[in-house]
Amino acid sequence: MEPPITPEGEAKARASNSQADIQLTELKTDPAMNPPYMYNAYAIIFHHGATLGSGHYTAIAKDQAKGCWRSFNDDRIRDFEPSQIAPEDREKAYVVFYQRERVAGGI
């Protein structure tokens, strides 16, 4: 995430944009643009193997339409509960996809 705009950044924006005051006010008052942010994972790709050049990849992803998680392993697809991930398998997460769900404060 970008850090909040600095006073120097604000001055630069004002010098180069006649609408900067309006845009800066909107930016500072928009709850979606100010921390703290809340993120939820919606998919994880796992690598099983000794090296990244060999082994096997699996994935789990949240099915938004059904409100459940699915596990994908070659041609096997099944419902899955993320709490079933064993502690030793959590470190096998290769790529985790996140979505900003809401900002703190319930918005």
Protein backbone atom coordinates (compact mmCIF):
# COMPACT_ATOMS: atom_id res chain seq x y z
CA MET A 1 0.00 0.00 0.00
CA GLU A 2 1.09 3.49 -0.67
CA PRO A 3 1.82 5.45 2.50
CA PRO A 4 -0.44 8.42 3.27
CA ILE A 5 0.33 11.53 1.27
CA THR A 6 2.99 13.74 2.83
CA PRO A 7 2.79 17.53 3.17
CA GLU A 8 5.41 17.69 0.40
CA GLY A 9 3.23 15.50 -1.82
CA GLU A 10 0.23 17.72 -1.14
CA ALA A 11 2.23 20.83 -2.06
CA LYS A 12 3.38 19.19 -5.29
CA ALA A 13 -0.20 18.20 -6.17
CA ARG A 14 -1.46 21.74 -5.50
CA ALA A 15 1.28 23.21 -7.69
CA SER A 16 0.42 20.98 -10.65
CA ASN A 17 -3.38 20.63 -10.42
CA SER A 18 -6.03 23.31 -10.05
CA GLN A 19 -8.47 20.74 -8.60
CA ALA A 20 -5.98 19.43 -6.02
CA ASP A 21 -7.73 20.90 -2.97
CA ILE A 22 -11.01 19.19 -3.85
CA GLN A 23 -9.30 15.91 -4.72
CA LEU A 24 -7.16 15.93 -1.57
CA THR A 25 -10.22 16.60 0.60
CA GLU A 26 -12.07 13.72 -1.06
CA LEU A 27 -9.06 11.46 -0.61
CA LYS A 28 -8.65 12.30 3.08
CA THR A 29 -12.35 11.90 3.90
CA ASP A 30 -12.99 8.70 1.91
CA PRO A 31 -12.96 5.82 4.45
CA ALA A 32 -12.03 3.36 1.70
CA MET A 33 -8.79 5.25 1.10
CA ASN A 34 -7.62 5.55 4.70
CA PRO A 35 -6.20 2.82 6.94
CA PRO A 36 -6.57 0.54 8.71
CA TYR A 37 -7.72 -1.79 5.94
CA MET A 38 -9.26 -5.25 6.30
CA TYR A 39 -8.24 -7.97 3.82
CA ASN A 40 -9.53 -11.50 3.39
CA ALA A 41 -7.83 -14.26 1.44
CA TYR A 42 -10.00 -15.64 -1.35
CA ALA A 43 -7.58 -18.06 -3.02
CA ILE A 44 -4.33 -19.84 -2.23
CA ILE A 45 -2.00 -21.75 -4.53
CA PHE A 46 0.11 -24.40 -2.79
CA HIS A 47 3.36 -25.98 -3.96
CA HIS A 48 4.09 -29.53 -2.84
CA GLY A 49 7.64 -30.64 -3.61
CA ALA A 50 11.31 -30.07 -2.94
CA THR A 51 11.96 -27.41 -5.60
CA LEU A 52 9.87 -24.91 -7.52
CA GLY A 53 10.88 -26.65 -10.75
CA SER A 54 9.37 -29.92 -9.66
CA GLY A 55 6.51 -31.04 -7.50
CA HIS A 56 2.80 -30.48 -7.65
CA TYR A 57 0.55 -27.44 -7.39
CA THR A 58 -2.91 -27.38 -5.84
CA ALA A 59 -5.27 -24.53 -5.04
CA ILE A 60 -8.17 -23.60 -2.83
CA ALA A 61 -10.52 -20.77 -3.68
CA LYS A 62 -13.66 -19.28 -2.24
CA ASP A 63 -16.78 -19.84 -4.33
CA GLN A 64 -18.52 -16.46 -3.97
CA ALA A 65 -21.80 -17.74 -5.41
CA LYS A 66 -22.13 -20.64 -2.99
CA GLY A 67 -20.29 -19.09 -0.06
CA CYS A 68 -17.99 -22.07 0.40
CA TRP A 69 -14.38 -22.96 -0.34
CA ARG A 70 -13.29 -25.41 -3.05
CA SER A 71 -10.13 -27.47 -3.28
CA PHE A 72 -8.63 -28.02 -6.76
CA ASN A 73 -6.20 -30.91 -7.28
CA ASP A 74 -5.86 -31.97 -10.91
CA ASP A 75 -9.29 -33.30 -11.88
CA ARG A 76 -10.55 -33.49 -8.29
CA ILE A 77 -12.69 -30.62 -7.04
CA ARG A 78 -14.28 -30.79 -3.62
CA ASP A 79 -15.71 -28.54 -0.94
CA PHE A 80 -13.07 -27.54 1.54
CA GLU A 81 -12.82 -25.80 4.91
CA PRO A 82 -9.68 -23.62 5.24
CA SER A 83 -9.37 -24.55 8.91
CA GLN A 84 -8.51 -28.07 7.65
CA ILE A 85 -5.12 -26.83 6.42
CA ALA A 86 -2.56 -28.55 8.63
CA PRO A 87 -0.01 -26.21 10.25
CA GLU A 88 2.85 -27.89 8.35
CA ASP A 89 1.01 -27.32 5.05
CA ARG A 90 0.47 -23.60 5.62
CA GLU A 91 4.09 -22.90 4.75
CA LYS A 92 3.48 -24.51 1.36
CA ALA A 93 1.33 -21.54 0.34
CA TYR A 94 3.02 -20.25 -2.81
CA VAL A 95 0.66 -17.41 -3.81
CA VAL A 96 -2.13 -15.94 -1.68
CA PHE A 97 -4.79 -13.70 -3.24
CA TYR A 98 -6.42 -11.06 -1.06
CA GLN A 99 -9.40 -8.77 -1.47
CA ARG A 100 -10.02 -5.69 0.59
CA GLU A 101 -13.33 -6.54 2.21
CA ARG A 102 -14.01 -3.34 4.08
CA VAL A 103 -12.28 -0.66 6.02
CA ALA A 104 -12.13 -0.69 9.78
CA GLY A 105 -15.23 0.83 11.30
CA GLY A 106 -17.66 -1.32 9.31
CA ILE A 107 -17.86 0.54 6.02
